[in-house]
Protein backbone atom coordinates (compact mmCIF):
# COMPACT_ATOMS: atom_id res chain seq x y z
CA MET A 1 0.37 -60.17 -35.06
CA ASN A 2 4.03 -59.70 -34.13
CA ILE A 3 3.94 -56.17 -35.55
CA VAL A 4 0.91 -55.29 -33.37
CA CYS A 5 2.53 -56.72 -30.25
CA PHE A 6 5.75 -54.83 -30.94
CA ALA A 7 3.76 -51.59 -31.34
CA LEU A 8 1.99 -52.20 -28.04
CA VAL A 9 5.29 -52.89 -26.30
CA GLN A 10 6.71 -49.66 -27.67
CA HIS A 11 3.62 -47.71 -26.56
CA TYR A 12 3.60 -49.02 -23.00
CA GLY A 13 7.37 -48.71 -22.77
CA VAL A 14 7.17 -45.00 -23.57
CA MET A 15 4.30 -44.52 -21.10
CA ALA A 16 6.27 -46.27 -18.38
CA GLU A 17 9.29 -44.09 -19.05
CA VAL A 18 7.22 -40.90 -18.76
CA ALA A 19 5.56 -42.12 -15.57
CA SER A 20 8.94 -42.96 -14.04
CA ARG A 21 10.38 -39.45 -14.58
CA PRO A 22 10.65 -37.31 -11.43
CA ARG A 23 7.51 -35.23 -10.96
CA GLU A 24 9.40 -31.98 -10.66
CA HIS A 25 11.05 -32.60 -14.04
CA ARG A 26 7.68 -33.04 -15.70
CA ARG A 27 6.25 -29.93 -14.07
CA ALA A 28 9.28 -27.83 -14.92
CA SER A 29 9.08 -28.99 -18.52
CA TYR A 30 5.41 -28.08 -18.57
CA HIS A 31 6.05 -24.53 -17.35
CA HIS A 32 9.02 -24.24 -19.71
CA GLY A 33 10.57 -20.76 -19.83
CA ASP A 34 7.70 -19.02 -18.04
CA LEU A 35 8.49 -20.55 -14.65
CA SER A 36 10.66 -17.61 -13.62
CA ASN A 37 7.76 -15.22 -14.19
CA ALA A 38 5.33 -17.57 -12.45
CA LEU A 39 7.56 -17.67 -9.37
CA THR A 40 7.97 -13.90 -9.39
CA ASP A 41 4.21 -13.43 -9.78
CA ALA A 42 3.56 -15.64 -6.77
CA ALA A 43 6.23 -13.92 -4.69
CA THR A 44 4.92 -10.48 -5.66
CA GLU A 45 1.49 -11.38 -4.30
CA MET A 46 3.16 -12.53 -1.07
CA ALA A 47 4.93 -9.18 -0.82
CA ARG A 48 1.71 -7.32 -1.52
CA ALA A 49 0.00 -9.16 1.34
CA GLY A 50 2.80 -9.14 3.89
CA GLY A 51 5.79 -7.12 2.76
CA PRO A 52 9.31 -8.39 2.05
CA ASP A 53 9.35 -10.80 5.01
CA ALA A 54 6.47 -12.73 3.44
CA VAL A 55 8.50 -13.64 0.34
CA VAL A 56 9.62 -17.28 0.66
CA LEU A 57 11.09 -19.18 -2.28
CA ARG A 58 9.65 -22.58 -1.33
CA ALA A 59 6.21 -21.07 -0.79
CA ALA A 60 6.42 -19.36 -4.19
CA ALA A 61 7.29 -22.73 -5.73
CA ARG A 62 4.18 -24.29 -4.16
CA GLN A 63 2.04 -21.44 -5.47
CA ALA A 64 3.49 -21.93 -8.96
CA GLY A 65 2.85 -25.68 -8.75
CA VAL A 66 6.45 -26.82 -8.94
CA SER A 67 8.97 -28.34 -6.58
CA ALA A 68 11.57 -26.35 -4.68
CA ALA A 69 14.25 -28.02 -6.81
CA ALA A 70 12.64 -26.64 -9.96
CA ALA A 71 12.45 -23.15 -8.42
CA TYR A 72 16.13 -23.19 -7.50
CA ARG A 73 16.98 -23.73 -11.14
CA HIS A 74 15.67 -20.20 -11.79
CA PHE A 75 16.63 -18.42 -8.56
CA ALA A 76 19.81 -19.38 -6.76
CA ASP A 77 18.45 -18.29 -3.39
CA HIS A 78 15.81 -16.25 -1.59
CA GLY A 79 17.77 -13.06 -2.20
CA GLU A 80 17.56 -13.39 -5.98
CA LEU A 81 13.80 -13.90 -5.84
CA LEU A 82 13.37 -10.95 -3.48
CA GLN A 83 15.39 -8.76 -5.83
CA ALA A 84 13.07 -9.70 -8.70
CA VAL A 85 10.08 -8.74 -6.55
CA ARG A 86 11.76 -5.48 -5.49
CA GLN A 87 12.11 -4.55 -9.14
CA ARG A 88 8.46 -5.41 -9.77
CA ALA A 89 7.48 -3.18 -6.85
CA LEU A 90 9.61 -0.27 -8.08
CA ASP A 91 8.12 -0.66 -11.56
CA ALA A 92 4.61 -0.60 -10.09
CA LEU A 93 5.42 2.58 -8.16
CA ALA A 94 6.84 4.22 -11.28
CA ALA A 95 3.76 3.20 -13.27
CA ALA A 96 1.49 4.79 -10.65
CA MET A 97 3.52 8.00 -10.77
CA ARG A 98 3.50 8.03 -14.56
CA ALA A 99 -0.27 7.49 -14.63
CA ARG A 100 -0.78 10.46 -12.31
CA LEU A 101 1.39 12.64 -14.54
CA ASP A 102 -0.67 11.66 -17.57
CA SER A 103 -4.02 12.23 -15.86
CA GLY A 104 -5.85 15.53 -15.64
CA ASP A 105 -5.94 18.46 -18.01
CA PRO A 106 -2.63 20.28 -18.54
CA LEU A 107 -2.61 23.89 -17.42
CA PRO A 108 -2.20 26.45 -20.22
CA ASP A 109 0.68 28.22 -18.47
CA PRO A 110 3.87 26.09 -18.84
CA ALA A 111 5.33 27.27 -15.53
CA ARG A 112 2.19 26.43 -13.56
CA GLU A 113 1.93 23.13 -15.41
CA SER A 114 5.41 22.14 -14.28
CA LEU A 115 4.40 22.89 -10.68
CA ARG A 116 1.23 20.82 -11.09
CA ARG A 117 3.27 17.90 -12.36
CA PHE A 118 5.73 18.20 -9.49
CA ARG A 119 2.91 18.03 -6.95
CA ALA A 120 1.29 15.15 -8.84
CA LEU A 121 4.43 13.03 -8.51
CA GLY A 122 4.54 13.47 -4.75
CA VAL A 123 0.84 12.70 -4.33
CA ALA A 124 1.15 9.58 -6.50
CA TYR A 125 4.13 8.37 -4.46
CA LEU A 126 2.30 8.80 -1.17
CA ASP A 127 -0.94 7.33 -2.53
CA PHE A 128 0.92 4.21 -3.65
CA ALA A 129 2.56 3.82 -0.24
CA LEU A 130 -0.77 4.08 1.57
CA ARG A 131 -2.74 1.98 -0.90
CA ASP A 132 -0.20 -0.82 -1.41
CA PRO A 133 2.01 -0.81 1.70
CA GLY A 134 3.31 -4.35 1.22
CA LEU A 135 4.76 -3.60 -2.20
CA PHE A 136 5.98 -0.18 -1.08
CA ARG A 137 7.93 -1.69 1.82
CA THR A 138 9.32 -4.36 -0.49
CA ALA A 139 10.45 -1.82 -3.07
CA PHE A 140 12.73 -0.22 -0.50
CA CYS A 141 13.74 -3.17 1.66
CA ARG A 142 17.45 -3.71 2.22
CA PRO A 143 18.84 -6.32 -0.21
CA GLY A 144 20.68 -9.30 1.18
CA LYS A 145 23.70 -8.57 -1.01
CA PRO A 146 24.90 -5.58 -3.05
CA ILE A 147 23.04 -4.98 -6.32
CA PRO A 148 25.35 -4.58 -9.33
CA ASP A 149 25.09 -1.17 -11.03
CA ALA A 150 22.30 -0.12 -8.68
CA GLY A 151 23.08 3.57 -9.15
CA THR A 152 22.95 3.32 -12.92
CA ALA A 153 19.67 1.43 -12.85
CA LEU A 154 18.19 3.93 -10.41
CA SER A 155 18.98 6.92 -12.57
CA ALA A 156 17.97 5.25 -15.84
CA HIS A 157 14.33 4.55 -15.09
CA GLY A 158 11.73 4.41 -12.37
CA PRO A 159 10.71 6.98 -9.74
CA TYR A 160 14.11 8.69 -9.66
CA ALA A 161 14.14 9.28 -13.40
CA LEU A 162 10.55 10.56 -13.40
CA LEU A 163 11.35 13.06 -10.66
CA GLY A 164 14.45 14.18 -12.52
CA SER A 165 12.51 14.79 -15.71
CA VAL A 166 9.95 16.97 -13.92
CA LEU A 167 12.70 18.94 -12.18
CA ASP A 168 14.30 19.52 -15.59
CA GLU A 169 10.94 20.81 -16.86
CA MET A 170 10.84 23.26 -13.95
CA VAL A 171 14.26 24.57 -14.96
CA ASP A 172 13.29 24.85 -18.63
CA ARG A 173 10.14 26.79 -17.73
CA GLY A 174 11.87 29.24 -15.43
CA VAL A 175 10.45 27.90 -12.19
CA LEU A 176 13.65 26.39 -10.80
CA ASP A 177 17.00 28.20 -10.84
CA PRO A 178 19.55 26.02 -12.68
CA GLY A 179 21.96 26.67 -9.82
CA ARG A 180 19.58 24.86 -7.44
CA ARG A 181 18.96 21.90 -9.72
CA SER A 182 21.93 19.73 -8.79
CA GLY A 183 21.06 17.10 -6.21
CA ALA A 184 17.43 18.17 -6.02
CA GLU A 185 16.16 14.61 -6.66
CA ILE A 186 17.71 13.31 -3.46
CA ALA A 187 16.38 16.14 -1.29
CA VAL A 188 12.84 15.88 -2.65
CA TRP A 189 12.77 12.09 -2.58
CA ALA A 190 14.04 12.04 1.01
CA ALA A 191 11.26 14.40 2.10
CA VAL A 192 8.45 12.51 0.36
CA HIS A 193 9.73 9.08 1.39
CA GLY A 194 10.14 10.27 4.96
CA LEU A 195 6.51 11.35 5.13
CA ALA A 196 5.41 8.06 3.56
CA THR A 197 7.30 6.13 6.24
CA LEU A 198 5.85 8.25 9.04
CA LEU A 199 2.33 7.76 7.71
CA LEU A 200 2.78 4.01 7.31
CA ASP A 201 4.89 2.88 10.23
CA GLY A 202 5.52 5.94 12.37
CA PRO A 203 3.65 8.22 14.76
CA LEU A 204 1.64 9.79 11.91
CA ALA A 205 -0.08 6.49 11.08
CA SER A 206 -3.02 7.45 13.31
CA LEU A 207 -3.74 10.77 11.59
CA ALA A 208 -7.31 11.34 10.48
CA ASP A 209 -7.91 11.49 6.74
CA GLY A 210 -8.20 15.27 6.69
CA ASP A 211 -5.02 15.81 8.70
CA ARG A 212 -3.18 13.35 6.49
CA ALA A 213 -4.30 15.19 3.35
CA ARG A 214 -3.14 18.51 4.83
CA ALA A 215 0.24 17.01 5.73
CA ILE A 216 0.71 15.83 2.14
CA SER A 217 -0.29 19.22 0.76
CA ARG A 218 2.01 21.09 3.12
CA LEU A 219 4.91 18.85 2.17
CA SER A 220 4.51 19.95 -1.45
CA ASP A 221 4.50 23.58 -0.34
CA PHE A 222 7.66 23.22 1.73
CA ALA A 223 9.42 21.20 -0.97
CA LEU A 224 8.68 23.86 -3.57
CA ASP A 225 9.71 26.65 -1.20
CA GLY A 226 12.99 24.89 -0.57
CA LEU A 227 13.65 24.22 -4.24
CA THR A 228 12.80 27.67 -5.53
CA GLY A 229 13.95 29.68 -2.52
CA THR A 230 10.67 31.60 -2.44
CA ALA A 231 10.32 31.30 1.34
CA ARG A 232 13.67 32.97 1.98
CA SER A 233 14.11 36.73 2.01
CA GLY A 234 17.86 36.37 1.73
CA PRO A 235 20.84 34.41 3.00
CA LEU A 236 20.88 33.61 6.68
CA LYS A 237 23.11 35.93 8.67
CA ARG A 238 25.46 34.47 11.19
CA SER A 239 24.82 35.45 14.78
CA ARG A 240 27.45 37.59 16.48
CA CYS A 241 26.76 35.86 19.77
CA GLY A 242 29.34 33.45 21.13
């Protein structure tokens, strides 16, 4: 009888101890090491719906089913969470660009194929911006504090690296003069991103579908003309006036 009573005391003592633990501790233990991803998932959906301003750490914690205290054990502040979402957004953009490169039938002529791939990257970039504006704005929002090794990360993967690889293909296939290759990523990216911004938040946002499609197509034409120099008959001559 004493043994049974002692067992019951032990049982209820353990139950009381568990019940007395802070709720956030129990929930954090339940989520274990996946809580960081759960918080980032929730914040990414906020960004998708409302852009970077919609990302709130406490709200992400509520969505993940944990307390704010538990969330702060994984992200020191709002800026760290926003940076994680920015990386998710950049990865999603790169995935969309990569999928467009892999779609369609390759052209038999290597030179024309490199041009097709160049145009495909620009179209994918603009399609992503127009289809998922919240994530697009978040991908390029200004971080609250400097990002360590941002330049290295930018050149190692993502949209910048994809563009660079296609530009290298254009050089290898005789489409782009090696002398015009240096710095081409920045010029092309600036042009495509500028059009994306104008179509999303600028005066071109009200363009009809047909006009928008023509603007995207013409951007590819001008970008290629600028890269290859095909639109120029020769170097510009300085005016003798003045």
